[in-house]
Protein backbone atom coordinates (compact mmCIF):
# COMPACT_ATOMS: atom_id res chain seq x y z
CA MET A 1 69.08 25.01 9.43
CA LYS A 2 66.35 27.35 8.32
CA ALA A 3 66.03 25.51 5.00
CA ILE A 4 65.65 22.20 6.81
CA ARG A 5 62.81 23.58 8.98
CA ILE A 6 61.03 24.99 5.92
CA GLN A 7 61.39 21.62 4.19
CA GLU A 8 60.02 19.79 7.28
CA ASN A 9 57.06 22.16 7.49
CA THR A 10 56.38 21.69 3.79
CA GLU A 11 56.55 17.90 4.15
CA LYS A 12 54.14 18.03 7.12
CA GLN A 13 51.73 20.23 5.17
CA ILE A 14 51.90 17.88 2.19
CA CYS A 15 51.28 14.85 4.45
CA ILE A 16 48.33 16.57 6.10
CA ALA A 17 46.89 17.56 2.71
CA LEU A 18 47.29 14.00 1.40
CA ALA A 19 45.64 12.60 4.54
CA ILE A 20 42.71 15.00 4.09
CA VAL A 21 42.40 14.05 0.41
CA LEU A 22 42.50 10.33 1.23
CA LEU A 23 39.91 10.79 3.96
CA GLY A 24 37.69 12.71 1.53
CA LEU A 25 38.09 9.99 -1.10
CA PHE A 26 37.20 7.30 1.44
CA VAL A 27 34.10 9.19 2.58
CA SER A 28 33.07 9.71 -1.06
CA TYR A 29 33.57 6.00 -1.80
CA VAL A 30 31.43 4.94 1.17
CA TYR A 31 28.70 7.42 0.20
CA LEU A 32 28.62 6.34 -3.45
CA VAL A 33 28.52 2.63 -2.58
CA SER A 34 25.67 3.13 -0.13
CA ALA A 35 23.80 5.34 -2.64
CA SER A 36 24.11 2.68 -5.34
CA ILE A 37 22.82 0.00 -2.96
CA VAL A 38 19.84 2.20 -2.07
CA HIS A 39 19.11 2.73 -5.78
CA VAL A 40 19.22 -1.01 -6.45
CA VAL A 41 16.78 -1.67 -3.60
CA ILE A 42 14.44 1.08 -4.81
CA ARG A 43 14.57 -0.29 -8.37
CA THR A 44 13.71 -3.79 -7.14
CA GLU A 45 10.77 -2.47 -5.14
CA LEU A 46 9.53 -0.47 -8.13
CA ASN A 47 9.77 -3.51 -10.40
CA GLN A 48 7.68 -5.50 -7.93
CA GLU A 49 5.13 -2.67 -7.78
CA ILE A 50 5.02 -2.52 -11.60
CA GLN A 51 4.36 -6.27 -11.77
CA LYS A 52 1.61 -5.97 -9.17
CA VAL A 53 -0.09 -3.12 -11.04
CA SER A 54 0.27 -4.98 -14.35
CA SER A 55 -1.43 -8.05 -12.92
CA GLU A 56 -4.24 -5.90 -11.51
CA ILE A 57 -4.67 -4.27 -14.92
CA SER A 58 -4.84 -7.65 -16.65
CA ILE A 59 -7.50 -8.83 -14.18
CA MET A 60 -9.51 -5.67 -14.84
CA GLU A 61 -9.12 -6.11 -18.59
CA GLY A 62 -10.42 -9.67 -18.31
CA SER A 63 -13.50 -8.56 -16.39
CA TYR A 64 -14.02 -5.73 -18.89
CA ILE A 65 -13.90 -8.15 -21.84
CA ALA A 66 -16.33 -10.51 -20.07
CA ALA A 67 -18.73 -7.64 -19.34
CA GLN A 68 -18.43 -6.41 -22.92
CA HIS A 69 -19.24 -9.90 -24.22
CA LYS A 70 -22.34 -10.06 -22.00
CA VAL A 71 -23.49 -6.66 -23.25
CA SER A 72 -22.95 -7.57 -26.90
CA ALA A 73 -24.77 -10.90 -26.43
CA SER A 74 -27.73 -9.20 -24.77
CA ILE A 75 -27.89 -6.56 -27.52
CA ALA A 76 -27.78 -9.28 -30.17
CA THR A 77 -30.71 -11.13 -28.58
CA LEU A 78 -32.68 -7.87 -28.44
CA HIS A 79 -32.31 -7.51 -32.22
CA GLY A 80 -33.52 -11.06 -32.79
CA TYR A 81 -30.22 -12.80 -33.45
CA THR A 82 -29.79 -16.35 -32.16
CA GLU A 83 -26.77 -18.56 -31.70
CA ASN A 84 -26.18 -21.03 -34.51
CA SER A 85 -25.78 -24.53 -33.12
CA HIS A 86 -25.14 -26.12 -36.54
CA LYS A 87 -21.43 -25.81 -37.27
CA VAL A 88 -19.81 -26.52 -40.61
CA PHE A 89 -16.23 -27.74 -40.83
CA ILE A 90 -14.29 -27.59 -44.06
CA ASP A 91 -11.75 -30.26 -44.94
CA ARG A 92 -9.54 -30.05 -47.98
CA SER A 93 -8.60 -33.68 -48.56
CA ALA A 94 -7.97 -33.32 -52.31
CA PRO A 95 -5.38 -30.80 -53.55
CA ALA A 96 -6.85 -27.70 -55.13
CA PHE A 97 -5.36 -26.15 -58.24
CA VAL A 98 -5.29 -22.39 -58.54
CA LEU A 99 -5.20 -20.66 -61.91
CA SER A 100 -2.31 -18.23 -62.13
CA SER A 101 -1.58 -15.73 -64.83
CA ASP A 102 2.14 -15.78 -64.01
CA ILE A 103 3.56 -18.50 -66.29
CA THR A 104 7.20 -18.23 -65.15
CA ARG A 105 6.64 -19.99 -61.83
């Protein structure tokens, strides 16, 4: 009789321990799933912020290049340089032969 009571108490303790472990595992699962969802949302927001900053940087670079071109053009006119309006285009209609010292080709 005493052995049966000890066995019943042991079984109850094991069931309670398993219930606590399962409850802990469930709470851990819920926490980890919600944490991963939060991280995905944060990553998406950061990617959008990175794209926004990148576009702002490209706009600033464009205005910088335009300002630099204006400065270089004004400096060139100060030194007496002018823009050449006569343009020369080269057309190679006939094949050109190149002298090569490598005879094994």
